[in-house]
Amino acid sequence: MAEKIKFIGTGKRKSSVARVCLFSNGNGNIKINGIEVDKYVPRESLATIIKQPLSVIDKIKDYDISVNVSGGGLSGQAEATRLGISRALILANPEYRPTLKSNGLLTRDSRKVERKKPGQPGARKKFQFSKR
């Protein structure tokens, strides 16, 4: 039996951080915080986002993935996991980089929640102005 090689990638999105361990010679198992991906995320769209890097390179059944993710909500965690998987795949095989890059899977989405300003009800919204 071939030895499993471990590749590590880190992904961030909003306030979520995902540490991804990618094991070569796997059979397509993805576990997030010790739970199967389909049980961890309630929506099929989030599971699709997580599996997107593997489906782009047509290697869904070739790797086992273990993810530790913390912070934020489910959407941020899913996108952080996607970035971590993409970065680990590049370490596994640098030839995947052009394909992943052209699909926008290596770009870190840096948008975060803007802070609330004093004297306002929210980050941008103002209280109603009264002329008289």
Protein backbone atom coordinates (compact mmCIF):
# COMPACT_ATOMS: atom_id res chain seq x y z
CA MET A 1 0.00 0.00 0.00
CA ALA A 2 1.30 3.43 -0.93
CA GLU A 3 2.28 5.79 1.85
CA LYS A 4 -0.02 8.73 2.52
CA ILE A 5 1.70 12.11 2.22
CA LYS A 6 0.28 15.06 4.16
CA PHE A 7 -0.02 18.58 2.71
CA ILE A 8 -1.16 21.49 4.88
CA GLY A 9 -2.97 24.65 3.70
CA THR A 10 -4.52 27.55 5.59
CA GLY A 11 -7.53 29.54 4.47
CA LYS A 12 -9.22 32.61 5.94
CA ARG A 13 -12.51 34.36 5.24
CA LYS A 14 -14.23 37.04 7.35
CA SER A 15 -13.40 35.86 10.89
CA SER A 16 -13.08 32.15 10.02
CA VAL A 17 -9.78 30.29 9.92
CA ALA A 18 -9.44 26.82 8.38
CA ARG A 19 -6.43 24.53 8.76
CA VAL A 20 -6.59 21.89 6.04
CA CYS A 21 -4.65 18.60 5.97
CA LEU A 22 -4.71 16.96 2.54
CA PHE A 23 -3.67 13.30 2.37
CA SER A 24 -2.60 11.80 -0.95
CA ASN A 25 -3.72 8.30 -1.99
CA GLY A 26 -7.12 8.78 -0.35
CA ASN A 27 -10.63 7.89 -1.41
CA GLY A 28 -12.53 11.19 -1.20
CA ASN A 29 -13.33 11.47 2.52
CA ILE A 30 -13.73 15.05 3.77
CA LYS A 31 -14.07 15.64 7.51
CA ILE A 32 -14.58 19.05 9.10
CA ASN A 33 -13.90 19.17 12.86
CA GLY A 34 -14.21 15.37 12.90
CA ILE A 35 -17.64 15.33 11.21
CA GLU A 36 -18.42 14.29 7.61
CA VAL A 37 -18.84 17.32 5.34
CA ASP A 38 -22.45 16.49 4.42
CA LYS A 39 -23.43 16.36 8.10
CA TYR A 40 -21.42 19.46 9.11
CA VAL A 41 -22.90 21.87 6.55
CA PRO A 42 -26.70 21.96 6.36
CA ARG A 43 -26.95 23.35 2.81
CA GLU A 44 -25.85 21.53 -0.33
CA SER A 45 -24.53 24.81 -1.77
CA LEU A 46 -21.95 25.05 1.04
CA ALA A 47 -20.82 21.46 0.45
CA THR A 48 -20.41 22.33 -3.24
CA ILE A 49 -18.28 25.36 -2.33
CA ILE A 50 -16.03 23.17 -0.16
CA LYS A 51 -15.57 20.54 -2.89
CA GLN A 52 -15.08 23.09 -5.70
CA PRO A 53 -11.23 22.94 -5.90
CA LEU A 54 -11.32 19.15 -6.21
CA SER A 55 -14.04 19.18 -8.87
CA VAL A 56 -12.19 21.79 -10.95
CA ILE A 57 -9.15 19.53 -11.25
CA ASP A 58 -11.24 16.31 -11.47
CA LYS A 59 -9.59 14.68 -8.43
CA ILE A 60 -12.57 14.34 -6.06
CA LYS A 61 -11.80 10.69 -5.16
CA ASP A 62 -7.98 11.00 -5.00
CA TYR A 63 -7.49 12.83 -1.69
CA ASP A 64 -8.65 12.52 1.92
CA ILE A 65 -9.14 15.86 3.65
CA SER A 66 -9.23 16.72 7.34
CA VAL A 67 -10.16 20.29 8.32
CA ASN A 68 -10.07 22.17 11.60
CA VAL A 69 -12.13 25.33 11.23
CA SER A 70 -13.09 27.92 13.81
CA GLY A 71 -14.71 31.33 14.00
CA GLY A 72 -17.42 32.99 11.96
CA GLY A 73 -20.50 31.36 10.46
CA LEU A 74 -21.04 28.50 8.09
CA SER A 75 -20.60 30.53 4.90
CA GLY A 76 -17.28 32.02 6.03
CA GLN A 77 -16.09 28.62 7.23
CA ALA A 78 -16.97 27.01 3.89
CA GLU A 79 -15.08 29.63 1.89
CA ALA A 80 -12.08 29.50 4.26
CA THR A 81 -12.01 25.72 3.80
CA ARG A 82 -12.16 26.12 0.02
CA LEU A 83 -9.11 28.41 0.06
CA GLY A 84 -7.22 26.06 2.38
CA ILE A 85 -7.92 23.07 0.13
CA SER A 86 -6.75 25.04 -2.93
CA ARG A 87 -3.49 26.01 -1.23
CA ALA A 88 -2.84 22.43 -0.09
CA LEU A 89 -3.50 21.12 -3.62
CA ILE A 90 -0.81 23.44 -4.99
CA LEU A 91 1.67 22.00 -2.49
CA ALA A 92 0.66 18.51 -3.59
CA ASN A 93 1.06 19.30 -7.29
CA PRO A 94 2.22 22.73 -8.56
CA GLU A 95 0.70 21.97 -12.00
CA TYR A 96 -2.78 22.60 -10.52
CA ARG A 97 -1.98 26.29 -9.96
CA PRO A 98 -3.02 27.71 -13.38
CA THR A 99 -6.35 25.86 -13.30
CA LEU A 100 -7.16 26.92 -9.74
CA LYS A 101 -5.99 30.49 -10.38
CA SER A 102 -8.14 30.88 -13.51
CA ASN A 103 -11.20 29.74 -11.54
CA GLY A 104 -10.53 32.31 -8.80
CA LEU A 105 -9.90 29.75 -6.07
CA LEU A 106 -6.57 31.17 -4.88
CA THR A 107 -7.79 34.69 -4.16
CA ARG A 108 -8.28 35.56 -0.50
CA ASP A 109 -11.55 37.46 -0.09
CA SER A 110 -10.48 40.24 2.28
CA ARG A 111 -13.93 41.74 2.90
CA LYS A 112 -14.85 42.00 6.57
CA VAL A 113 -17.68 43.60 8.51
CA GLU A 114 -17.21 47.34 8.83
CA ARG A 115 -17.27 48.66 12.36
CA LYS A 116 -20.13 50.75 13.76
CA LYS A 117 -19.29 54.46 14.05
CA PRO A 118 -20.23 56.60 17.08
CA GLY A 119 -23.32 58.77 16.65
CA GLN A 120 -24.77 56.44 14.01
CA PRO A 121 -27.06 53.42 14.24
CA GLY A 122 -24.74 51.29 12.06
CA ALA A 123 -21.58 51.40 9.98
CA ARG A 124 -23.01 53.62 7.21
CA LYS A 125 -26.59 54.41 8.20
CA LYS A 126 -27.31 57.81 9.76
CA PHE A 127 -30.08 58.81 12.11
CA GLN A 128 -32.97 60.63 10.40
CA PHE A 129 -32.23 64.31 9.77
CA SER A 130 -34.79 66.87 10.85
CA LYS A 131 -34.50 70.32 9.34
CA ARG A 132 -37.03 71.88 11.74
